[in-house]
Amino acid sequence: MNVTTDWKTLNLTGATQVRDVFSHSNLGLKNDAISLPCPPHGSRLLLLKPAASTN
């Protein structure tokens, strides 16, 4: 099953860097939304940073 959200729902705008915290992997730059698989009763933890952020 895929879980999808858009940046507007999260009160974000513009390009955003996405990192999967559990798998220690960068998912890249996403422009306005993200959709990822998530197993039943599973979870995903993502770190979202504005693309211009240097931290």
C-alpha atoms as a PDB file:
ATOM      1  CA  MET A   1       0.000   0.000   0.000  1.00  0.00           C
ATOM      2  CA  ASN A   2       1.306   3.476  -0.862  1.00  0.00           C
ATOM      3  CA  VAL A   3       0.950   6.448   1.438  1.00  0.00           C
ATOM      4  CA  THR A   4       0.834   9.815  -0.293  1.00  0.00           C
ATOM      5  CA  THR A   5       0.886  13.397   0.906  1.00  0.00           C
ATOM      6  CA  ASP A   6       1.458  16.763  -0.717  1.00  0.00           C
ATOM      7  CA  TRP A   7       3.411  19.693   0.648  1.00  0.00           C
ATOM      8  CA  LYS A   8       0.306  21.885   0.871  1.00  0.00           C
ATOM      9  CA  THR A   9      -1.219  19.480   3.421  1.00  0.00           C
ATOM     10  CA  LEU A  10       1.952  19.835   5.524  1.00  0.00           C
ATOM     11  CA  ASN A  11       2.083  23.639   5.090  1.00  0.00           C
ATOM     12  CA  LEU A  12       5.282  23.365   3.026  1.00  0.00           C
ATOM     13  CA  THR A  13       6.111  25.114  -0.227  1.00  0.00           C
ATOM     14  CA  GLY A  14       8.754  24.555  -2.869  1.00  0.00           C
ATOM     15  CA  ALA A  15      11.329  21.855  -3.335  1.00  0.00           C
ATOM     16  CA  THR A  16      12.072  19.759  -0.261  1.00  0.00           C
ATOM     17  CA  GLN A  17      14.880  17.331   0.585  1.00  0.00           C
ATOM     18  CA  VAL A  18      13.505  14.028   1.887  1.00  0.00           C
ATOM     19  CA  ARG A  19      15.414  11.553   4.079  1.00  0.00           C
ATOM     20  CA  ASP A  20      14.153   8.190   5.310  1.00  0.00           C
ATOM     21  CA  VAL A  21      15.268   8.131   8.942  1.00  0.00           C
ATOM     22  CA  PHE A  22      14.725   4.395   9.535  1.00  0.00           C
ATOM     23  CA  SER A  23      16.650   3.238   6.440  1.00  0.00           C
ATOM     24  CA  HIS A  24      19.314   5.991   6.707  1.00  0.00           C
ATOM     25  CA  SER A  25      18.812   6.918   3.058  1.00  0.00           C
ATOM     26  CA  ASN A  26      18.271  10.142   1.165  1.00  0.00           C
ATOM     27  CA  LEU A  27      15.197   9.978  -1.058  1.00  0.00           C
ATOM     28  CA  GLY A  28      16.161  13.095  -2.968  1.00  0.00           C
ATOM     29  CA  LEU A  29      14.541  16.361  -3.846  1.00  0.00           C
ATOM     30  CA  LYS A  30      10.751  16.329  -4.154  1.00  0.00           C
ATOM     31  CA  ASN A  31       8.889  19.296  -5.613  1.00  0.00           C
ATOM     32  CA  ASP A  32       5.347  19.126  -4.270  1.00  0.00           C
ATOM     33  CA  ALA A  33       4.414  15.672  -2.966  1.00  0.00           C
ATOM     34  CA  ILE A  34       5.666  12.233  -1.999  1.00  0.00           C
ATOM     35  CA  SER A  35       4.256   8.723  -2.289  1.00  0.00           C
ATOM     36  CA  LEU A  36       5.972   5.749  -0.639  1.00  0.00           C
ATOM     37  CA  PRO A  37       5.091   2.120   0.023  1.00  0.00           C
ATOM     38  CA  CYS A  38       4.196   1.272   3.599  1.00  0.00           C
ATOM     39  CA  PRO A  39       3.311  -2.280   4.681  1.00  0.00           C
ATOM     40  CA  PRO A  40       0.137  -2.928   6.680  1.00  0.00           C
ATOM     41  CA  HIS A  41       0.736  -1.959  10.330  1.00  0.00           C
ATOM     42  CA  GLY A  42       4.077  -0.466   9.246  1.00  0.00           C
ATOM     43  CA  SER A  43       5.440   3.027   9.536  1.00  0.00           C
ATOM     44  CA  ARG A  44       7.830   5.423   7.813  1.00  0.00           C
ATOM     45  CA  LEU A  45       9.701   8.313   9.440  1.00  0.00           C
ATOM     46  CA  LEU A  46      10.797  11.032   7.060  1.00  0.00           C
ATOM     47  CA  LEU A  47      12.871  14.129   7.656  1.00  0.00           C
ATOM     48  CA  LEU A  48      11.798  17.018   5.408  1.00  0.00           C
ATOM     49  CA  LYS A  49      14.030  20.060   4.852  1.00  0.00           C
ATOM     50  CA  PRO A  50      13.555  23.002   2.491  1.00  0.00           C
ATOM     51  CA  ALA A  51      15.905  22.576  -0.471  1.00  0.00           C
ATOM     52  CA  ALA A  52      17.707  25.840   0.349  1.00  0.00           C
ATOM     53  CA  SER A  53      18.547  24.611   3.878  1.00  0.00           C
ATOM     54  CA  THR A  54      22.231  23.981   4.568  1.00  0.00           C
ATOM     55  CA  ASN A  55      21.743  22.331   8.008  1.00  0.00           C
END
